Protein backbone atom coordinates (compact mmCIF):
# COMPACT_ATOMS: atom_id res chain seq x y z
CA MET A 1 136.32 120.58 199.31
CA PHE A 2 139.81 119.85 198.00
CA PRO A 3 142.24 119.66 200.95
CA ARG A 4 145.70 121.17 200.96
CA SER A 5 147.42 117.83 201.30
CA ALA A 6 146.83 116.78 197.69
CA LEU A 7 149.85 116.49 195.45
CA SER A 8 148.57 116.79 191.92
CA ALA A 9 146.32 119.18 190.08
CA GLU A 10 144.67 116.17 188.47
CA ALA A 11 142.29 115.62 191.41
CA SER A 12 139.56 114.32 189.13
CA GLY A 13 141.39 111.00 188.83
CA ARG A 14 142.27 111.51 185.14
CA LEU A 15 145.78 110.27 185.98
CA ASP A 16 144.55 107.09 187.68
CA LEU A 17 147.22 104.41 187.30
CA THR A 18 144.73 102.08 185.62
CA HIS A 19 145.22 104.31 182.56
CA HIS A 20 149.01 104.08 182.76
CA LYS A 21 150.43 102.52 179.57
CA LEU A 22 152.21 99.79 181.56
CA TYR A 23 148.99 98.87 183.34
CA MET A 24 147.06 98.70 180.09
CA LYS A 25 149.67 96.32 178.67
CA GLY A 26 149.44 94.07 181.72
CA LEU A 27 153.01 94.87 182.77
CA ILE A 28 152.17 95.93 186.33
CA ARG A 29 151.91 92.88 188.59
CA ARG A 30 149.10 93.07 191.18
CA LEU A 31 149.52 91.54 194.65
CA GLU A 32 147.20 91.17 197.68
CA VAL A 33 149.08 90.78 200.99
CA SER A 34 147.87 90.40 204.59
CA SER A 35 149.81 91.44 207.70
CA ASN A 36 150.62 87.78 208.43
CA ASN A 37 152.08 87.19 204.98
CA ARG A 38 155.77 88.01 204.56
CA ASN A 39 155.78 87.10 200.87
CA HIS A 40 155.54 90.57 199.37
CA PRO A 41 157.86 93.00 197.59
CA THR A 42 160.09 95.32 199.58
CA ALA A 43 161.29 98.88 199.12
CA ASP A 44 163.86 101.17 200.69
CA ILE A 45 162.26 104.59 200.15
CA GLY A 46 158.62 105.60 200.50
CA ILE A 47 156.99 108.47 198.61
CA LEU A 48 153.74 109.73 200.09
CA GLY A 49 151.63 112.07 198.03
CA GLY A 50 148.68 112.36 195.66
CA THR A 51 147.96 111.19 192.15
CA GLY A 52 150.43 111.60 189.33
CA LEU A 53 153.68 110.84 191.13
CA TYR A 54 153.96 107.34 189.63
CA GLN A 55 154.53 109.05 186.32
CA ILE A 56 158.00 110.24 187.32
CA GLU A 57 160.11 109.57 184.28
CA GLY A 58 162.47 106.66 184.81
CA ILE A 59 160.46 104.52 187.24
CA GLU A 60 160.77 100.88 186.15
CA ASP A 61 159.49 97.37 186.94
CA ILE A 62 156.31 98.57 188.66
CA GLU A 63 154.34 96.26 190.96
CA GLU A 64 151.00 97.09 192.57
CA CYS A 65 150.80 95.74 196.14
CA SER A 66 147.60 95.89 198.22
CA LEU A 67 148.27 95.41 201.93
CA GLU A 68 146.13 94.53 204.93
CA THR A 69 147.72 95.90 208.12
CA PRO A 70 146.79 95.40 211.80
CA PHE A 71 145.20 98.86 211.53
CA GLY A 72 143.17 98.10 208.43
CA ARG A 73 143.72 98.92 204.78
CA PRO A 74 145.88 101.86 203.64
CA SER A 75 144.44 104.58 201.42
CA ASP A 76 145.30 102.64 198.26
CA ALA A 77 147.69 100.07 196.85
CA TYR A 78 151.43 100.75 197.00
CA PHE A 79 153.17 101.05 193.64
CA ILE A 80 156.69 99.66 193.89
CA GLY A 81 159.46 100.01 191.35
CA TYR A 82 162.99 101.20 190.67
CA LEU A 83 163.86 104.89 190.47
CA GLU A 84 167.47 105.99 189.98
CA GLY A 85 168.51 102.41 190.74
CA LYS A 86 166.75 102.30 194.13
CA LYS A 87 163.57 100.51 195.18
CA VAL A 88 160.77 102.97 195.95
CA ALA A 89 157.15 102.57 197.06
CA PHE A 90 154.55 105.22 196.24
CA LEU A 91 151.25 105.66 198.09
CA SER A 92 148.47 108.13 197.33
CA ARG A 93 147.31 109.35 200.74
CA HIS A 94 143.86 110.35 199.48
CA GLY A 95 143.47 107.31 197.20
CA ARG A 96 143.23 107.39 193.44
CA GLY A 97 140.57 109.85 192.34
CA HIS A 98 141.05 111.77 195.62
CA ARG A 99 138.34 109.95 197.60
CA LEU A 100 139.46 110.61 201.17
CA LEU A 101 139.22 113.77 203.28
CA PRO A 102 142.17 114.33 205.65
CA SER A 103 140.06 113.15 208.62
CA ASP A 104 139.10 109.98 206.72
CA ILE A 105 142.67 108.91 205.88
CA ASN A 106 143.83 105.80 207.73
CA PHE A 107 147.21 107.31 208.62
CA ARG A 108 148.22 104.39 210.85
CA ALA A 109 147.60 101.84 208.10
CA ASN A 110 149.49 103.99 205.57
CA ILE A 111 152.65 104.21 207.70
CA PHE A 112 152.43 100.63 209.02
CA GLY A 113 152.18 99.49 205.39
CA PHE A 114 155.45 101.24 204.59
CA LYS A 115 156.99 99.45 207.58
CA MET A 116 155.71 96.10 206.29
CA LEU A 117 157.45 96.81 202.98
CA GLY A 118 160.77 97.45 204.76
CA VAL A 119 160.82 101.18 203.98
CA GLU A 120 163.35 103.14 206.05
CA ARG A 121 162.75 106.65 204.67
CA VAL A 122 159.54 108.42 203.68
CA MET A 123 159.40 111.61 201.60
CA SER A 124 156.03 113.32 201.91
CA VAL A 125 154.75 115.80 199.34
CA ASN A 126 151.96 118.19 200.33
CA SER A 127 150.29 121.32 199.14
CA CYS A 128 150.13 124.09 201.72
CA GLY A 129 149.29 127.73 202.30
CA SER A 130 151.87 130.36 203.27
CA LEU A 131 151.64 132.32 206.51
CA LYS A 132 154.66 134.49 205.71
CA GLU A 133 155.03 137.28 203.13
CA GLU A 134 158.45 136.02 202.05
CA ILE A 135 157.15 132.47 201.36
CA GLN A 136 155.43 132.93 198.01
CA PRO A 137 153.04 130.76 196.04
CA ARG A 138 154.95 128.09 194.07
CA ASP A 139 157.82 128.15 196.59
CA ILE A 140 158.77 124.87 198.26
CA VAL A 141 159.23 124.62 202.04
CA ILE A 142 161.14 121.79 203.77
CA SER A 143 159.50 122.16 207.19
CA ASP A 144 161.35 121.03 210.31
CA GLN A 145 158.70 121.72 212.98
CA PHE A 146 154.97 121.06 213.43
CA PHE A 147 152.11 122.60 215.39
CA ASP A 148 149.37 119.98 215.48
CA ARG A 149 145.75 121.09 215.94
CA THR A 150 144.16 117.85 214.74
CA ARG A 151 142.03 115.42 216.74
CA ARG A 152 142.69 112.21 214.82
CA PRO A 153 144.43 108.98 215.95
CA ASN A 154 148.18 109.60 215.77
CA THR A 155 149.83 106.72 217.64
CA PHE A 156 150.22 102.98 217.20
CA PHE A 157 150.30 102.47 220.95
CA GLY A 158 147.60 102.07 223.59
CA GLY A 159 145.43 99.09 224.47
CA GLY A 160 147.74 98.11 227.32
CA LEU A 161 151.08 99.22 225.88
CA ALA A 162 152.29 102.74 226.65
CA ALA A 163 155.18 104.38 224.80
CA HIS A 164 156.32 108.00 224.59
CA ILE A 165 158.59 109.01 221.72
CA SER A 166 160.83 112.07 221.67
CA PHE A 167 159.44 114.53 219.13
CA ALA A 168 161.40 117.72 219.77
CA GLN A 169 163.01 117.38 216.32
CA PRO A 170 160.17 115.81 214.32
CA VAL A 171 161.83 115.37 210.91
CA CYS A 172 164.94 113.48 209.92
CA PRO A 173 167.75 116.05 209.50
CA GLU A 174 169.60 114.00 206.89
CA LEU A 175 166.57 113.38 204.71
CA ALA A 176 165.43 117.01 204.97
CA GLU A 177 168.90 118.26 204.05
CA ASN A 178 168.98 116.00 201.00
CA LEU A 179 165.62 117.34 199.83
CA TYR A 180 166.74 120.92 200.33
CA ALA A 181 170.05 120.35 198.51
CA ALA A 182 168.20 118.79 195.57
CA GLY A 183 165.93 121.83 195.28
CA LYS A 184 168.83 124.27 195.40
CA GLU A 185 170.79 122.33 192.78
CA LEU A 186 167.75 122.55 190.52
CA GLY A 187 167.59 126.32 191.01
CA LEU A 188 164.17 126.24 192.69
CA ARG A 189 162.82 128.62 195.34
CA VAL A 190 163.27 126.34 198.33
CA HIS A 191 163.11 127.28 202.04
CA ARG A 192 164.94 125.13 204.63
CA GLY A 193 163.07 124.88 207.94
CA GLY A 194 159.88 126.41 209.23
CA THR A 195 156.81 125.39 211.20
CA TYR A 196 153.96 123.52 209.51
CA LEU A 197 150.63 124.17 211.19
CA CYS A 198 148.41 121.09 210.79
CA ILE A 199 144.64 121.67 210.96
CA GLU A 200 141.87 119.08 210.91
CA GLY A 201 140.08 120.40 207.84
CA PRO A 202 138.42 119.94 205.48
CA ALA A 203 137.43 123.63 205.63
CA PHE A 204 140.13 126.23 205.10
CA SER A 205 140.87 128.82 207.82
CA THR A 206 138.82 131.84 208.77
CA LYS A 207 140.63 135.17 208.54
CA ALA A 208 140.75 135.32 212.35
CA GLU A 209 142.38 131.88 212.57
CA SER A 210 144.88 132.69 209.84
CA ARG A 211 145.93 135.90 211.60
CA VAL A 212 146.38 134.07 214.92
CA TYR A 213 148.52 131.39 213.26
CA ARG A 214 150.77 134.14 211.93
CA LEU A 215 151.10 135.60 215.43
CA TRP A 216 152.15 132.16 216.65
CA GLY A 217 155.07 132.27 214.21
CA CYS A 218 153.94 129.43 211.97
CA ASP A 219 155.20 129.41 208.38
CA VAL A 220 152.86 127.19 206.36
CA ILE A 221 149.49 125.54 206.90
CA GLY A 222 148.22 122.13 205.80
CA MET A 223 146.11 119.15 206.90
CA THR A 224 148.21 115.97 206.94
CA SER A 225 151.94 116.14 207.58
CA ALA A 226 152.11 116.29 211.39
CA THR A 227 150.17 113.04 211.77
CA GLU A 228 152.43 111.24 209.31
CA ALA A 229 155.55 112.54 211.05
CA LYS A 230 154.46 111.22 214.48
CA LEU A 231 153.64 107.78 213.15
CA CYS A 232 156.88 107.55 211.17
CA ARG A 233 158.85 108.37 214.32
CA GLU A 234 157.06 105.59 216.24
CA ALA A 235 157.79 103.21 213.34
CA GLU A 236 161.47 104.29 213.35
CA ILE A 237 161.15 105.52 209.76
CA CYS A 238 162.95 108.68 208.64
CA TYR A 239 160.46 111.37 207.57
CA ALA A 240 160.75 114.68 205.77
CA THR A 241 158.12 116.76 204.02
CA MET A 242 158.25 118.80 200.83
CA ASN A 243 155.51 121.45 201.00
CA LEU A 244 154.37 123.01 197.72
CA VAL A 245 153.02 126.50 198.48
CA THR A 246 149.83 127.27 196.57
CA ASP A 247 148.48 130.45 198.22
CA TYR A 248 148.65 132.92 201.11
CA ASP A 249 145.84 131.20 203.03
CA VAL A 250 143.31 133.99 203.78
CA TRP A 251 145.32 136.54 205.77
CA HIS A 252 146.82 138.52 202.90
CA GLU A 253 144.86 141.67 202.04
CA GLU A 254 146.31 142.10 198.54
CA GLU A 255 146.50 138.49 197.34
CA GLU A 256 143.71 136.11 196.38
CA SER A 257 142.39 133.98 199.25
CA VAL A 258 142.79 130.23 199.12
CA SER A 259 140.36 128.37 196.88
CA VAL A 260 140.22 125.03 195.13
CA GLU A 261 140.90 126.69 191.78
CA LEU A 262 143.96 128.56 193.07
CA ILE A 263 145.41 125.42 194.67
CA LEU A 264 144.97 123.37 191.52
CA GLU A 265 146.54 125.97 189.25
CA ASN A 266 149.64 126.46 191.39
CA LEU A 267 150.03 122.72 191.93
CA ARG A 268 149.91 122.22 188.17
CA LEU A 269 152.77 124.70 187.81
CA ASN A 270 154.84 123.13 190.63
CA ILE A 271 154.34 119.41 190.09
CA GLU A 272 157.28 118.94 187.72
CA HIS A 273 159.55 120.66 190.25
CA ALA A 274 158.44 118.18 192.90
CA LYS A 275 159.12 115.22 190.62
CA ALA A 276 162.59 116.54 189.77
CA MET A 277 163.43 117.04 193.46
CA ILE A 278 162.32 113.53 194.32
CA LYS A 279 164.42 111.98 191.54
CA LYS A 280 167.52 113.93 192.54
CA THR A 281 167.02 113.15 196.24
CA VAL A 282 166.54 109.43 195.61
CA ALA A 283 169.72 109.36 193.54
CA ALA A 284 171.73 111.16 196.24
CA LEU A 285 170.60 109.21 199.30
CA PRO A 286 173.24 106.84 200.70
CA ALA A 287 172.35 103.19 201.04
CA SER A 288 172.31 103.32 204.85
CA ARG A 289 171.22 105.96 207.31
CA GLY A 290 174.03 108.09 208.69
CA GLU A 291 175.22 109.10 212.16
CA ARG A 292 173.11 112.27 212.28
CA CYS A 293 169.98 110.15 211.95
CA ALA A 294 168.61 108.65 215.17
CA CYS A 295 165.30 107.64 213.60
CA SER A 296 166.20 103.94 213.55
CA ARG A 297 166.46 104.04 217.38
CA ALA A 298 163.44 106.23 218.08
CA LEU A 299 161.67 103.68 220.30
CA GLU A 300 164.73 102.87 222.39
CA ASN A 301 163.86 103.38 226.08
CA CYS A 302 160.42 104.76 225.12
CA ILE A 303 158.26 101.77 226.07
CA VAL A 304 157.26 102.22 229.71
CA THR A 305 154.81 99.33 230.28
CA GLN A 306 156.25 96.37 232.17
CA GLU A 307 156.81 93.63 229.64
CA ALA A 308 154.90 91.02 231.64
CA LEU A 309 151.81 93.24 231.66
CA ILE A 310 151.61 93.84 227.91
CA PRO A 311 148.60 91.95 226.50
CA PRO A 312 149.72 89.13 224.15
CA GLU A 313 147.41 90.35 221.38
CA VAL A 314 149.05 93.80 221.52
CA LYS A 315 152.52 92.23 221.35
CA LYS A 316 151.41 90.33 218.25
CA LYS A 317 149.79 93.38 216.66
CA LEU A 318 152.84 95.59 217.15
CA HIS A 319 155.52 92.92 216.72
CA LEU A 320 156.95 94.65 213.65
CA LEU A 321 157.53 97.83 215.67
CA ILE A 322 158.58 96.51 219.07
CA ALA A 323 160.41 93.23 218.38
CA LYS A 324 163.81 94.86 219.00
CA TYR A 325 162.75 95.89 222.50
CA ILE A 326 160.10 93.39 223.67
CA LYS A 327 160.47 89.61 223.66
CA GLY A 328 157.72 87.26 222.57
């Protein structure tokens, strides 16, 4: 089963970075870094998607960085380089060759790894199904709400440290607006806002489920984005998602129901649009986060456990997240 959260139509791994011309020439430096080692490259902007995105024209000085986080290893190595003059880090959420089902992705390690690299903004690219007639296949939706039906780990906290983030507005308004503006400037069919329904997968919906989701007022359906958004908020990282519509799920009586083949074909047609939007957004983003963005203060007043009662090992594990608010 090929989940909706994949970015590229090349799910077979044919675009594995080991075949990239720079890699073959030995021009991509490979690094192995543990969570206790601060000697690693840094980046300002994270790009979270599937295979193929490293081939955005113009990315330069690529380094491959494998991280070990307190939550284990991320899905793959991070590929770090310069795009439009800014340092970016790309991660394939399913791993090269698309090895991981949505339920098997180590979401916490993926987002914690971005935090270790110093990333302040993450742009997520996903495939999704449409639950609305007016949102057509090959449209792009910049969702601003989530309905989460998954059962996977979606918090860094626990183990003696309780924290409760605000999640009423789950995406960064500034980052989402920049993505939307980039799509409009490129003349693409882009929708600003909408609710992303996140299911566990890997199976697609039944017709009954799809019809109920429409009654709930959801706009698109996928398998990954809500989990990433929650963890980015806890890590005080800006998050916005670019959803590439591939199908009408299974509710539409006149259109073809979702299938692997349909997803791959529509992704193939939309992938260059996604790359162009990312390049334009990266170029337009200001160096620092603006006043509309409260993401950098998301944990302020959210930790409720008395400091003296927090286990020392938990303080150490989460130091990167909580150091601003908890001593020691």
